Structures are given as structure tokens and as C-alpha cells.
Protein backbone atom coordinates (compact mmCIF):
# COMPACT_ATOMS: atom_id res chain seq x y z
CA MET A 1 162.31 38.62 142.98
CA ARG A 2 163.82 35.47 144.49
CA ALA A 3 167.32 34.32 143.51
CA ALA A 4 165.96 31.11 141.94
CA SER A 5 163.68 33.00 139.55
CA ARG A 6 166.49 35.42 138.67
CA ALA A 7 168.87 32.48 138.09
CA SER A 8 166.84 31.03 135.24
CA ARG A 9 167.49 34.15 133.12
CA ILE A 10 171.30 34.25 133.57
CA ARG A 11 173.41 33.92 130.42
CA LEU A 12 176.70 35.34 131.78
CA LEU A 13 178.42 34.62 135.08
CA VAL A 14 181.06 37.20 136.00
CA LEU A 15 183.56 36.28 138.70
CA ASP A 16 186.06 38.14 140.81
CA VAL A 17 189.27 36.17 141.43
CA ASP A 18 190.83 36.84 144.84
CA GLY A 19 188.36 35.72 147.48
CA VAL A 20 186.01 34.08 144.95
CA LEU A 21 188.03 31.75 142.72
CA THR A 22 190.79 31.71 145.35
CA ASP A 23 190.81 31.94 149.13
CA GLY A 24 192.05 35.53 148.88
CA GLY A 25 195.56 34.77 150.10
CA LEU A 26 198.52 36.15 148.17
CA LEU A 27 201.57 33.89 147.91
CA TYR A 28 204.93 35.23 146.71
CA GLY A 29 207.90 33.06 145.85
CA PRO A 30 211.54 33.96 146.59
CA SER A 31 211.88 35.79 143.27
CA GLY A 32 208.64 37.74 143.81
CA GLU A 33 206.54 35.51 141.57
CA GLU A 34 202.91 35.23 142.59
CA SER A 35 201.05 31.94 142.84
CA LYS A 36 197.40 31.21 143.48
CA ARG A 37 195.47 28.14 144.61
CA PHE A 38 192.33 27.28 142.64
CA HIS A 39 189.84 24.60 143.65
CA VAL A 40 189.38 21.76 141.14
CA HIS A 41 185.62 21.59 141.88
CA ASP A 42 185.25 25.19 140.72
CA GLY A 43 187.14 24.32 137.54
CA LEU A 44 184.89 21.39 136.72
CA ALA A 45 181.85 23.61 137.27
CA LEU A 46 183.19 26.29 134.92
CA VAL A 47 183.70 23.69 132.19
CA ALA A 48 180.15 22.42 132.80
CA ALA A 49 178.82 25.99 132.59
CA HIS A 50 180.50 26.46 129.23
CA GLN A 51 179.10 23.16 127.96
CA ALA A 52 175.61 24.19 129.10
CA GLY A 53 175.82 27.48 127.20
CA LEU A 54 176.44 29.72 130.23
CA GLN A 55 179.15 32.24 129.40
CA VAL A 56 181.77 32.99 132.05
CA ALA A 57 183.92 36.09 132.48
CA VAL A 58 186.50 37.21 135.01
CA LEU A 59 186.88 40.79 136.27
CA SER A 60 189.83 41.19 138.61
CA SER A 61 191.44 44.26 140.11
CA ARG A 62 194.80 42.50 140.16
CA ALA A 63 196.71 41.04 137.23
CA SER A 64 198.24 37.59 137.51
CA ALA A 65 199.80 35.15 135.08
CA ALA A 66 198.35 32.32 137.20
CA VAL A 67 194.83 33.60 136.54
CA ALA A 68 195.45 33.88 132.80
CA ARG A 69 196.81 30.34 132.71
CA ARG A 70 194.03 28.76 134.77
CA MET A 71 191.25 30.52 132.86
CA ALA A 72 192.83 29.46 129.55
CA GLU A 73 192.89 25.84 130.81
CA LEU A 74 189.18 26.12 131.58
CA GLY A 75 188.23 27.79 128.29
CA VAL A 76 187.23 31.12 129.86
CA GLY A 77 187.86 33.66 127.10
CA GLU A 78 186.62 36.82 128.82
CA VAL A 79 189.44 37.45 131.29
CA HIS A 80 189.86 41.09 132.29
CA GLN A 81 192.61 41.79 134.81
CA GLY A 82 193.91 45.01 136.30
CA VAL A 83 190.38 46.44 136.22
CA GLY A 84 190.05 49.60 138.30
CA ASP A 85 186.33 50.19 137.80
CA LYS A 86 184.48 46.88 137.69
CA ALA A 87 181.07 48.51 137.19
CA SER A 88 182.20 50.27 134.00
CA ALA A 89 183.98 47.14 132.81
CA LEU A 90 180.78 45.16 133.35
CA ASP A 91 178.76 47.76 131.41
CA ALA A 92 181.18 47.50 128.48
CA LEU A 93 181.08 43.70 128.58
CA ARG A 94 177.26 43.68 128.71
CA GLU A 95 177.04 46.01 125.71
CA ARG A 96 179.63 44.09 123.69
CA LEU A 97 177.90 40.76 124.35
CA GLY A 98 174.44 42.21 123.72
CA LEU A 99 173.04 41.18 127.10
CA GLU A 100 170.44 42.72 129.38
CA THR A 101 171.18 43.42 133.03
CA GLY A 102 168.84 40.62 134.11
CA GLU A 103 170.91 38.11 132.14
CA ILE A 104 174.08 38.73 134.16
CA ALA A 105 175.18 37.30 137.52
CA VAL A 106 178.20 38.71 139.34
CA MET A 107 180.01 36.95 142.20
CA GLY A 108 182.19 39.13 144.40
CA ASP A 109 183.53 39.12 147.92
CA ASP A 110 184.78 42.61 148.79
CA LEU A 111 184.03 46.31 148.41
CA PRO A 112 185.49 46.76 144.88
CA ASP A 113 182.88 44.25 143.64
CA LEU A 114 179.83 46.17 144.88
CA GLY A 115 179.49 48.42 141.82
CA ALA A 116 179.41 45.48 139.40
CA MET A 117 177.13 43.48 141.69
CA GLY A 118 174.70 46.40 141.74
CA ARG A 119 174.57 46.38 137.94
CA ALA A 120 173.79 42.66 137.72
CA GLY A 121 170.46 40.89 137.63
CA LEU A 122 171.76 38.43 140.22
CA ALA A 123 174.40 39.32 142.82
CA LEU A 124 176.23 36.37 144.37
CA ALA A 125 178.75 36.10 147.21
CA PRO A 126 180.88 33.36 148.77
CA ALA A 127 180.42 32.57 152.47
CA ASN A 128 183.57 34.53 153.37
CA ALA A 129 182.48 37.79 151.71
CA VAL A 130 182.60 40.99 153.75
CA PRO A 131 179.30 41.99 155.40
CA GLU A 132 178.58 44.79 152.92
CA VAL A 133 178.81 42.36 150.01
CA LYS A 134 176.66 39.76 151.74
CA ARG A 135 173.97 42.41 152.31
CA ALA A 136 174.08 43.38 148.62
CA ALA A 137 173.90 39.77 147.43
CA HIS A 138 170.70 38.06 146.34
CA TRP A 139 172.34 34.70 147.12
CA VAL A 140 175.23 33.70 149.41
CA ALA A 141 177.05 30.38 149.01
CA ARG A 142 177.57 28.05 151.93
CA ARG A 143 181.17 27.49 150.77
CA ARG A 144 184.05 29.95 150.95
CA GLY A 145 185.88 31.49 148.03
CA GLY A 146 188.59 29.16 146.77
CA ASP A 147 186.81 26.24 148.45
CA GLY A 148 183.94 25.46 146.08
CA ALA A 149 181.80 28.62 146.25
CA VAL A 150 181.96 29.01 142.46
CA ARG A 151 180.95 25.35 142.03
CA GLU A 152 177.98 25.95 144.29
CA ALA A 153 176.97 29.06 142.31
CA VAL A 154 177.28 27.30 138.95
CA GLU A 155 175.22 24.36 140.25
CA MET A 156 172.49 26.78 141.38
CA LEU A 157 172.48 28.56 138.00
CA LEU A 158 172.46 25.37 135.95
CA LYS A 159 169.78 23.75 138.14
CA ALA A 160 167.58 26.76 137.36
CA ARG A 161 168.07 25.88 133.66
CA ARG A 162 167.61 22.17 134.36
CA ARG A 163 171.16 21.60 133.10
CA TRP A 164 172.71 20.14 136.28
CA PRO A 165 174.16 17.61 136.61
CA PRO A 166 176.06 17.87 133.32
CA ARG A 167 175.28 15.20 130.76
């Protein structure tokens, strides 16, 4: 089944953080505090997704106060950090939200994302994903993680619902 036909069924978009919502770089300040750079275009798209009725969740292997803050600013309520097994976490999220596999899209960029991507109806990857992830993806963005790849994915999903551009 083509990505476009899968996209029209999606009700939940699940995102990795490092390498998807960010460029994957880790920045540490002099006191050891971590900071992350998020792209404003991705943020606007996540707000538009919410307004269009597309739920958004984050599954990240790492835990970061910057992620919690940015997702709160964007109204993303399903933020799961420090997740060791993303596939199991996705299964629990799917059950709790009462969704079918075909109603879930997962965007990942590296090997820890493969399990969750394999349990999704639509697997997505940014342009800078590792080769194994690109091969597993049904759709690969032209943009890199942290540089509008999430915006591109949300546009594709909402266009399939005829909900882009936002009204």
C-alpha cells in the first residue's frame, strides 16, 4: 500500500526527538545542562496537527527538560522520555488510546526506532536517517531532522485528510 493511502488513516503521529525533532546534536553547557535546537516550522506544524485532530506523541530514549518544555509549549501531552523499548511503549500507547496499528505513524531516524516503526501503519524517516531506517520507512522526507522534516511529514499527513493548509 502506498504511503499516501496509508496517510489518510493516521490518527496518531509518534515522533522520536534526537535526529527527528532536532538535528541529533547534543549540546552541554558549562554546568552540564543540556540544550536542544528545535525548528519553528516543525512547531507550527505540530500545532496545526493538533488543530486538525491529529494526535501527536513523543517517544524518546533520552530524557531532557528542554523536550518537556518545548512539547508543553506546543500542546503535546503524550511525552514519554527515557524509553528503553520503543516498540513496547508504542503498543501500550496504542492500547490506551484505543487505536489500530494502521492509524499510527512513527517517525524515527536511528536503530532504536525500528521496532516502533515496524509496529506502525506508516513508517516515516527524515532525510538524515540511517540506511536501515530509510529502508524500513514507507516515506522519507526531503528535509533533515531538526530542519523541517516533521513539518514535511505533518503536511503530508494533513494533505491526505484535506486539512492542509490549516484554516
